[in-house]
Amino acid sequence: MPEHDEKPAAIDRAIKAIKDNPYGYGVLLIIILFVAHWAFTSYLGPKRPGAFLERTSYENTVYVQVYSDKTGTKNYYLPGDVSRGENGYTISEVSWPNGGDSTFDDCQITLGKRSECLITNSKEFENYDINSNDIDKLLAMPSYYIQLTNNVVTK
């Protein structure tokens, strides 16, 4: 049984292998950096879209720009509930200054680009049969064009 001051033989062999290999310290440094990057982006990174070392999965309230049409002549800067996961960013709801909200069925959005999202809490959507083949009625559904920003709502 080794004394408490002695290193286990496996650690001695690993240190000797690193010292004897001319690339040993470089390989060790790459491994350490990879593990640190993984840990930081999984657990410690910022919850802000587009941030350096952004977390790979989170939910947060960020500001989005909401456009009522494709031309973008009028837009609103509103807080929205955004989540990031394997498939990128999705938005579930935006809050209006008058206390109302618009909900979306996990609409995919992109940082800096407009994405069309159907409003799922509208009267037209409530009366729509999702199994219907009426494409004209679906195209007439109210929608917004939403652009994700990297500004987080501070509470």
Protein backbone atom coordinates (compact mmCIF):
# COMPACT_ATOMS: atom_id res chain seq x y z
CA MET A 1 0.00 0.00 0.00
CA PRO A 2 1.54 3.36 -1.01
CA GLU A 3 2.04 6.01 1.61
CA HIS A 4 0.07 9.24 1.40
CA ASP A 5 3.10 11.16 0.11
CA GLU A 6 3.66 8.84 -2.83
CA LYS A 7 1.90 9.28 -6.18
CA PRO A 8 0.10 6.26 -7.63
CA ALA A 9 2.08 4.48 -10.34
CA ALA A 10 -0.49 5.38 -13.04
CA ILE A 11 0.01 9.10 -12.46
CA ASP A 12 3.80 8.69 -12.61
CA ARG A 13 3.48 6.83 -15.93
CA ALA A 14 1.17 9.53 -17.35
CA ILE A 15 3.56 12.35 -16.33
CA LYS A 16 6.53 10.47 -17.79
CA ALA A 17 4.63 9.87 -21.07
CA ILE A 18 3.81 13.59 -21.36
CA LYS A 19 7.41 14.63 -20.62
CA ASP A 20 8.89 12.07 -23.04
CA ASN A 21 6.58 12.94 -25.95
CA PRO A 22 7.53 16.22 -27.70
CA TYR A 23 3.81 16.92 -28.30
CA GLY A 24 2.73 15.80 -24.83
CA TYR A 25 2.15 19.24 -23.34
CA GLY A 26 0.33 20.39 -26.48
CA VAL A 27 -2.01 17.38 -26.44
CA LEU A 28 -2.63 17.88 -22.72
CA LEU A 29 -3.39 21.57 -23.29
CA ILE A 30 -5.85 20.77 -26.11
CA ILE A 31 -7.64 18.24 -23.91
CA ILE A 32 -7.88 20.72 -21.04
CA LEU A 33 -9.18 23.47 -23.36
CA PHE A 34 -11.77 21.13 -24.91
CA VAL A 35 -13.11 20.07 -21.49
CA ALA A 36 -13.15 23.70 -20.27
CA HIS A 37 -15.02 24.86 -23.40
CA TRP A 38 -17.58 22.08 -23.06
CA ALA A 39 -18.15 22.79 -19.35
CA PHE A 40 -18.42 26.54 -19.88
CA THR A 41 -20.89 26.40 -22.79
CA SER A 42 -22.97 23.74 -21.06
CA TYR A 43 -23.24 25.23 -17.58
CA LEU A 44 -21.54 28.60 -17.14
CA GLY A 45 -21.87 30.56 -20.39
CA PRO A 46 -24.12 33.58 -20.84
CA LYS A 47 -27.81 33.13 -21.72
CA ARG A 48 -27.71 35.77 -24.47
CA PRO A 49 -28.25 34.97 -28.16
CA GLY A 50 -25.04 35.32 -30.16
CA ALA A 51 -22.79 35.77 -27.12
CA PHE A 52 -19.24 34.45 -27.14
CA LEU A 53 -19.30 31.03 -25.42
CA GLU A 54 -23.14 31.16 -25.26
CA ARG A 55 -24.81 28.26 -23.46
CA THR A 56 -25.97 25.49 -25.76
CA SER A 57 -29.35 25.12 -24.06
CA TYR A 58 -31.37 27.66 -22.07
CA GLU A 59 -34.58 29.69 -21.75
CA ASN A 60 -34.56 33.46 -21.33
CA THR A 61 -36.57 36.61 -21.97
CA VAL A 62 -34.95 38.71 -24.70
CA TYR A 63 -36.08 41.60 -26.84
CA VAL A 64 -37.35 40.78 -30.31
CA GLN A 65 -38.46 43.00 -33.14
CA VAL A 66 -41.99 42.19 -34.26
CA TYR A 67 -43.08 43.24 -37.76
CA SER A 68 -46.71 43.13 -38.84
CA ASP A 69 -45.83 42.57 -42.50
CA LYS A 70 -42.96 41.60 -44.80
CA THR A 71 -42.11 45.19 -45.74
CA GLY A 72 -41.09 46.03 -42.19
CA THR A 73 -42.53 49.54 -42.33
CA LYS A 74 -43.78 49.28 -38.76
CA ASN A 75 -42.19 47.24 -36.02
CA TYR A 76 -42.33 46.81 -32.27
CA TYR A 77 -39.47 46.16 -29.86
CA LEU A 78 -40.97 43.68 -27.38
CA PRO A 79 -39.83 41.16 -24.76
CA GLY A 80 -40.23 37.57 -25.87
CA ASP A 81 -39.78 34.16 -24.26
CA VAL A 82 -36.99 32.49 -26.24
CA SER A 83 -35.34 29.13 -25.77
CA ARG A 84 -32.21 27.70 -27.34
CA GLY A 85 -31.72 24.01 -27.94
CA GLU A 86 -30.41 21.53 -30.50
CA ASN A 87 -32.50 23.06 -33.30
CA GLY A 88 -31.56 26.67 -32.62
CA TYR A 89 -33.80 29.38 -31.20
CA THR A 90 -37.56 29.12 -30.72
CA ILE A 91 -40.00 31.74 -29.48
CA SER A 92 -43.16 30.87 -27.58
CA GLU A 93 -44.59 34.27 -26.61
CA VAL A 94 -44.18 38.05 -26.86
CA SER A 95 -45.63 40.51 -24.35
CA TRP A 96 -47.29 43.74 -25.47
CA PRO A 97 -47.05 47.00 -23.49
CA ASN A 98 -50.83 47.01 -22.91
CA GLY A 99 -50.61 43.75 -20.95
CA GLY A 100 -51.64 41.43 -23.78
CA ASP A 101 -49.53 38.73 -25.33
CA SER A 102 -49.20 36.79 -28.56
CA THR A 103 -48.29 33.12 -28.38
CA PHE A 104 -46.60 31.00 -31.03
CA ASP A 105 -46.30 27.25 -31.40
CA ASP A 106 -42.53 27.15 -30.81
CA CYS A 107 -41.68 29.13 -33.91
CA GLN A 108 -38.07 28.81 -35.14
CA ILE A 109 -36.30 32.19 -35.28
CA THR A 110 -32.80 33.30 -36.25
CA LEU A 111 -30.58 35.99 -34.78
CA GLY A 112 -30.66 39.04 -37.04
CA LYS A 113 -33.11 37.59 -39.61
CA ARG A 114 -36.90 37.82 -39.87
CA SER A 115 -38.94 34.65 -39.48
CA GLU A 116 -42.67 34.29 -40.02
CA CYS A 117 -44.58 32.97 -37.01
CA LEU A 118 -48.30 32.08 -36.80
CA ILE A 119 -50.15 33.58 -33.84
CA THR A 120 -51.70 30.62 -32.02
CA ASN A 121 -53.85 32.55 -29.53
CA SER A 122 -55.88 34.36 -32.22
CA LYS A 123 -59.59 33.68 -32.83
CA GLU A 124 -58.84 32.58 -36.41
CA PHE A 125 -56.36 29.95 -35.20
CA GLU A 126 -58.75 28.62 -32.53
CA ASN A 127 -61.37 27.89 -35.20
CA TYR A 128 -58.90 26.25 -37.62
CA ASP A 129 -58.86 22.47 -37.91
CA ILE A 130 -55.17 21.57 -38.07
CA ASN A 131 -56.02 18.31 -39.90
CA SER A 132 -57.83 20.23 -42.62
CA ASN A 133 -56.40 20.47 -46.13
CA ASP A 134 -57.68 24.03 -46.56
CA ILE A 135 -54.38 25.73 -47.43
CA ASP A 136 -56.06 29.04 -48.28
CA LYS A 137 -57.48 29.30 -44.78
CA LEU A 138 -54.08 28.47 -43.27
CA LEU A 139 -52.37 31.14 -45.39
CA ALA A 140 -54.95 33.68 -44.19
CA MET A 141 -54.00 33.07 -40.54
CA PRO A 142 -52.58 36.09 -38.72
CA SER A 143 -48.82 36.02 -38.36
CA TYR A 144 -45.92 38.26 -37.42
CA TYR A 145 -42.40 38.46 -38.74
CA ILE A 146 -40.05 38.20 -35.79
CA GLN A 147 -36.37 39.10 -35.64
CA LEU A 148 -34.30 37.98 -32.66
CA THR A 149 -31.93 40.47 -31.01
CA ASN A 150 -29.16 39.81 -28.51
CA ASN A 151 -30.56 42.21 -25.88
CA VAL A 152 -31.64 40.41 -22.73
CA VAL A 153 -34.54 41.76 -20.66
CA THR A 154 -33.27 42.75 -17.23
CA LYS A 155 -35.72 42.08 -14.43
